[in-house]
Amino acid sequence: MAYGEQAIAQMREAFGTVDERYQAMREAFIMREYRTARGKEFALHGFCRRLSILALTTRHVFELLPPDLDGVPKKELLDDVTIQVQAFMINAFGAMDNLAWTWCFERGLKRDNGKEIPASWVSLSPKNTFLVPTLSDDFQARLAELKEWFSIIEGYRHGLAHRIPLYIPPFAVLESKVAEYAELETKVFEALSRRSLDEMEKHQADQRALQVFHPRIMHSFEERARTIDFHPQMLTDFGLAEDLGRRMLEELDSLEQ
């Protein structure tokens, strides 16, 4: 198994609360009064809808490819899980922007000349110098703590949307077994050149016995993108969306005081 027993138990416990936490957050956003139609739209049809997708895709991934799975999954299964993880990643990023847009409209943010602000100014990224300073000190401090997380998720989102889509490597070979695996690969081609199919299949079976699976995502070798264990990352990202959603509700409440 790719994870230890304690990690698996912790993930299963957290996973079991995802739907309940989503429903509680959705209700909190639905029940409040909004100042603007656009702010309400970004809150309900933006953030809440995306949070629903985060909960749904998390459930699908944990059911399709549970963290205690042993062995190398089939390609068809990995393709299905890849689609779920891609949908999760793009909506995790979008959920943050939806919260930023909600604040922008509810707070009535404008340029100094009174004109509408460009979309590129609307973000919760800690490096944002327009919107983020209008939030409370506590919220700004929390965003500063998430500087690395924002950098990683932005990189994956931009790769997914514009460059190399993220994927799940089908298998790996332990470093101690790489030479043996390469030697078997040579034998496979030698057997194929002699049309010795039985021998070729035997070597291929020996190769498969050396393959291991790590539930990780990546998107580019050339960019040296970080690989991420997606089971715990999805739970973490859902929790961060939940946390920042709760904090945004508190910010919106402060406008009425």
Protein backbone atom coordinates (compact mmCIF):
# COMPACT_ATOMS: atom_id res chain seq x y z
CA MET A 1 0.00 0.00 0.00
CA ALA A 2 1.17 3.53 -0.77
CA TYR A 3 0.12 4.91 2.63
CA GLY A 4 0.64 3.66 6.16
CA GLU A 5 -2.26 2.26 8.17
CA GLN A 6 -2.48 5.32 10.42
CA ALA A 7 -2.58 7.69 7.45
CA ILE A 8 -5.29 5.59 5.80
CA ALA A 9 -7.39 5.63 8.98
CA GLN A 10 -7.06 9.41 9.26
CA MET A 11 -8.02 9.91 5.63
CA ARG A 12 -11.04 7.66 5.93
CA GLU A 13 -12.20 9.57 9.00
CA ALA A 14 -11.83 12.93 7.24
CA PHE A 15 -13.44 11.59 4.07
CA GLY A 16 -16.48 10.46 6.03
CA THR A 17 -17.21 14.07 7.05
CA VAL A 18 -16.89 15.75 3.63
CA ASP A 19 -20.56 15.62 2.56
CA GLU A 20 -21.83 16.84 5.95
CA ARG A 21 -19.35 19.72 5.98
CA TYR A 22 -20.28 20.71 2.43
CA GLN A 23 -23.97 20.81 3.30
CA ALA A 24 -23.30 22.96 6.39
CA MET A 25 -21.21 25.43 4.38
CA ARG A 26 -23.75 25.56 1.57
CA GLU A 27 -26.56 26.28 4.03
CA ALA A 28 -24.56 29.07 5.65
CA PHE A 29 -24.06 30.79 2.30
CA ILE A 30 -27.66 30.30 1.19
CA MET A 31 -29.20 31.62 4.41
CA ARG A 32 -27.40 34.95 4.53
CA GLU A 33 -28.61 38.22 3.01
CA TYR A 34 -26.49 39.75 0.27
CA ARG A 35 -26.09 43.38 -0.69
CA THR A 36 -25.75 42.79 -4.42
CA ALA A 37 -27.12 40.38 -6.99
CA ARG A 38 -23.64 39.77 -8.39
CA GLY A 39 -22.16 39.08 -4.98
CA LYS A 40 -24.94 36.59 -4.30
CA GLU A 41 -24.43 34.93 -7.66
CA PHE A 42 -20.71 34.41 -7.11
CA ALA A 43 -21.38 33.09 -3.60
CA LEU A 44 -24.18 30.65 -4.44
CA HIS A 45 -23.72 29.75 -8.10
CA GLY A 46 -19.96 30.14 -7.96
CA PHE A 47 -18.43 29.11 -4.65
CA CYS A 48 -21.17 26.75 -3.45
CA ARG A 49 -21.43 25.00 -6.80
CA ARG A 50 -17.69 24.51 -6.93
CA LEU A 51 -17.62 23.28 -3.32
CA SER A 52 -20.23 20.71 -4.34
CA ILE A 53 -17.93 19.52 -7.12
CA LEU A 54 -15.03 19.28 -4.67
CA ALA A 55 -17.11 17.09 -2.37
CA LEU A 56 -18.43 14.96 -5.23
CA THR A 57 -15.09 14.38 -6.93
CA THR A 58 -13.46 13.57 -3.59
CA ARG A 59 -16.10 10.91 -2.98
CA HIS A 60 -15.67 9.47 -6.46
CA VAL A 61 -11.89 9.25 -6.13
CA PHE A 62 -12.00 7.58 -2.72
CA GLU A 63 -14.60 5.08 -3.96
CA LEU A 64 -12.95 4.35 -7.32
CA LEU A 65 -9.40 4.16 -6.03
CA PRO A 66 -9.38 3.84 -2.23
CA PRO A 67 -6.14 4.81 -0.45
CA ASP A 68 -5.65 1.23 0.81
CA LEU A 69 -5.72 -0.22 -2.72
CA ASP A 70 -2.97 -2.77 -3.24
CA GLY A 71 -1.45 -3.49 -6.64
CA VAL A 72 -1.32 -1.55 -9.91
CA PRO A 73 -4.73 -0.26 -11.14
CA LYS A 74 -5.90 -0.79 -14.70
CA LYS A 75 -5.55 2.07 -17.18
CA GLU A 76 -9.31 2.50 -17.53
CA LEU A 77 -9.65 3.06 -13.80
CA LEU A 78 -6.80 5.55 -13.75
CA ASP A 79 -8.39 7.44 -16.64
CA ASP A 80 -11.62 7.81 -14.66
CA VAL A 81 -9.77 8.94 -11.55
CA THR A 82 -7.66 11.38 -13.57
CA ILE A 83 -10.84 13.06 -14.85
CA GLN A 84 -12.11 13.41 -11.28
CA VAL A 85 -8.83 14.87 -10.02
CA GLN A 86 -8.65 17.32 -12.92
CA ALA A 87 -12.20 18.50 -12.19
CA PHE A 88 -11.32 18.85 -8.52
CA MET A 89 -8.17 20.87 -9.19
CA ILE A 90 -9.75 23.38 -11.57
CA ASN A 91 -12.67 23.95 -9.20
CA ALA A 92 -10.49 24.24 -6.10
CA PHE A 93 -8.75 27.14 -7.81
CA GLY A 94 -12.04 28.58 -9.07
CA ALA A 95 -13.62 28.42 -5.61
CA MET A 96 -10.98 30.82 -4.30
CA ASP A 97 -11.68 33.25 -7.11
CA ASN A 98 -15.42 33.01 -6.47
CA LEU A 99 -14.89 34.07 -2.86
CA ALA A 100 -12.77 36.97 -4.08
CA TRP A 101 -15.49 38.08 -6.53
CA THR A 102 -18.13 37.81 -3.82
CA TRP A 103 -16.09 40.14 -1.61
CA CYS A 104 -15.39 42.48 -4.52
CA PHE A 105 -19.10 43.07 -5.21
CA GLU A 106 -20.34 43.00 -1.62
CA ARG A 107 -17.60 45.39 -0.53
CA GLY A 108 -18.17 47.60 -3.58
CA LEU A 109 -14.52 47.67 -4.59
CA LYS A 110 -13.65 50.08 -7.40
CA ARG A 111 -10.60 51.69 -8.90
CA ASP A 112 -9.50 55.00 -7.42
CA ASN A 113 -11.24 56.73 -10.34
CA GLY A 114 -14.51 54.93 -9.58
CA LYS A 115 -14.32 52.58 -12.57
CA GLU A 116 -14.76 48.81 -12.47
CA ILE A 117 -11.67 46.83 -11.55
CA PRO A 118 -10.17 44.41 -14.09
CA ALA A 119 -10.62 40.70 -13.50
CA SER A 120 -6.87 40.24 -13.04
CA TRP A 121 -7.12 42.27 -9.81
CA VAL A 122 -9.62 39.86 -8.24
CA SER A 123 -7.86 37.12 -6.30
CA LEU A 124 -7.23 35.83 -2.78
CA SER A 125 -3.60 35.05 -3.62
CA PRO A 126 -1.31 36.52 -0.94
CA LYS A 127 0.59 38.37 -3.68
CA ASN A 128 -2.55 40.33 -4.61
CA THR A 129 -1.99 43.98 -3.71
CA PHE A 130 -5.49 45.33 -4.41
CA LEU A 131 -8.15 43.08 -2.93
CA VAL A 132 -6.30 41.27 -0.15
CA PRO A 133 -5.41 44.47 1.79
CA THR A 134 -9.15 45.25 2.07
CA LEU A 135 -9.70 42.11 4.17
CA SER A 136 -9.30 41.89 7.94
CA ASP A 137 -5.85 41.41 9.46
CA ASP A 138 -6.77 37.87 10.53
CA PHE A 139 -7.86 36.91 7.03
CA GLN A 140 -4.71 38.43 5.52
CA ALA A 141 -2.57 36.53 8.01
CA ARG A 142 -4.29 33.26 7.08
CA LEU A 143 -3.73 33.91 3.37
CA ALA A 144 -0.07 34.65 4.05
CA GLU A 145 0.22 31.22 5.68
CA LEU A 146 -1.12 29.70 2.46
CA LYS A 147 1.43 31.37 0.16
CA GLU A 148 3.03 28.07 -0.88
CA TRP A 149 -0.36 26.38 -1.34
CA PHE A 150 -1.56 29.16 -3.65
CA SER A 151 1.66 28.91 -5.66
CA ILE A 152 1.26 25.15 -6.11
CA ILE A 153 -2.43 25.20 -7.00
CA GLU A 154 -1.96 28.10 -9.41
CA GLY A 155 0.82 26.18 -11.15
CA TYR A 156 -1.33 23.08 -11.50
CA ARG A 157 -4.35 25.08 -12.62
CA HIS A 158 -2.37 26.94 -15.30
CA GLY A 159 -0.74 23.71 -16.44
CA LEU A 160 -4.11 21.99 -16.64
CA ALA A 161 -5.78 24.85 -18.51
CA HIS A 162 -2.99 26.01 -20.78
CA ARG A 163 0.00 23.66 -20.90
CA ILE A 164 0.42 20.03 -19.81
CA PRO A 165 -2.68 18.47 -18.18
CA LEU A 166 -2.08 16.71 -14.90
CA TYR A 167 -2.15 12.93 -14.94
CA ILE A 168 -1.55 9.93 -12.72
CA PRO A 169 1.57 7.91 -13.65
CA PRO A 170 0.35 4.33 -14.29
CA PHE A 171 3.16 2.71 -12.29
CA ALA A 172 6.65 3.19 -10.92
CA VAL A 173 9.68 0.99 -10.39
CA LEU A 174 11.70 1.12 -7.20
CA GLU A 175 15.16 2.54 -7.74
CA SER A 176 16.70 -0.71 -6.57
CA LYS A 177 14.80 -2.54 -9.32
CA VAL A 178 15.39 -0.13 -12.24
CA ALA A 179 18.38 -2.03 -13.65
CA GLU A 180 16.51 -5.34 -13.48
CA TYR A 181 13.47 -3.77 -15.15
CA ALA A 182 15.62 -2.33 -17.95
CA GLU A 183 17.29 -5.69 -18.50
CA LEU A 184 13.88 -7.35 -18.84
CA GLU A 185 12.87 -4.66 -21.33
CA THR A 186 15.84 -5.60 -23.46
CA LYS A 187 14.87 -9.26 -23.26
CA VAL A 188 11.30 -8.41 -24.30
CA PHE A 189 12.52 -6.80 -27.53
CA GLU A 190 15.00 -9.57 -28.19
CA ALA A 191 12.25 -12.18 -27.82
CA LEU A 192 9.97 -10.15 -30.05
CA SER A 193 12.67 -9.94 -32.74
CA ARG A 194 12.86 -13.76 -32.69
CA ARG A 195 9.04 -13.97 -32.72
CA SER A 196 9.22 -15.91 -29.45
CA LEU A 197 5.95 -14.68 -28.07
CA ASP A 198 5.79 -16.99 -25.07
CA GLU A 199 9.23 -15.85 -23.95
CA MET A 200 8.27 -12.21 -24.53
CA GLU A 201 5.13 -12.56 -22.43
CA LYS A 202 7.12 -14.19 -19.63
CA HIS A 203 9.53 -11.26 -19.51
CA GLN A 204 6.62 -8.82 -19.58
CA ALA A 205 5.03 -10.66 -16.66
CA ASP A 206 8.33 -10.41 -14.76
CA GLN A 207 8.33 -6.67 -15.48
CA ARG A 208 4.80 -6.27 -14.14
CA ALA A 209 5.87 -8.01 -10.93
CA LEU A 210 8.38 -5.20 -10.40
CA GLN A 211 5.83 -2.41 -10.92
CA VAL A 212 4.40 -0.52 -7.96
CA PHE A 213 1.72 2.17 -7.86
CA HIS A 214 1.86 5.53 -6.12
CA PRO A 215 -1.40 7.57 -6.12
CA ARG A 216 0.22 10.80 -7.26
CA ILE A 217 -0.46 13.47 -9.82
CA MET A 218 1.97 15.46 -11.93
CA HIS A 219 1.78 17.51 -15.08
CA SER A 220 5.22 18.19 -16.58
CA PHE A 221 8.63 16.51 -16.52
CA GLU A 222 10.35 19.46 -18.20
CA GLU A 223 8.95 22.02 -15.75
CA ARG A 224 10.01 19.76 -12.86
CA ALA A 225 6.52 20.14 -11.42
CA ARG A 226 6.01 18.79 -7.93
CA THR A 227 4.27 15.44 -7.64
CA ILE A 228 1.39 15.36 -5.17
CA ASP A 229 -0.22 12.46 -3.31
CA PHE A 230 -3.77 13.21 -4.36
CA HIS A 231 -5.81 11.46 -1.63
CA PRO A 232 -4.56 13.60 1.27
CA GLN A 233 -4.25 16.66 -0.98
CA MET A 234 -7.91 16.56 -1.97
CA LEU A 235 -8.94 16.37 1.69
CA THR A 236 -6.59 19.23 2.53
CA ASP A 237 -7.84 21.38 -0.34
CA PHE A 238 -11.47 20.76 0.54
CA GLY A 239 -10.68 21.77 4.11
CA LEU A 240 -8.97 24.96 2.94
CA ALA A 241 -11.94 25.88 0.74
CA GLU A 242 -14.19 25.29 3.74
CA ASP A 243 -11.94 27.36 6.02
CA LEU A 244 -11.69 30.31 3.64
CA GLY A 245 -15.43 30.11 2.96
CA ARG A 246 -16.12 30.39 6.68
CA ARG A 247 -13.70 33.29 6.99
CA MET A 248 -15.35 35.05 4.06
CA LEU A 249 -18.73 34.73 5.76
CA GLU A 250 -17.23 36.46 8.78
CA GLU A 251 -15.85 39.22 6.53
CA LEU A 252 -19.27 39.69 4.95
CA ASP A 253 -20.89 39.81 8.38
CA SER A 254 -18.48 42.58 9.39
CA LEU A 255 -19.87 44.79 6.60
CA GLU A 256 -23.20 44.92 8.44
CA GLN A 257 -21.70 46.00 11.77
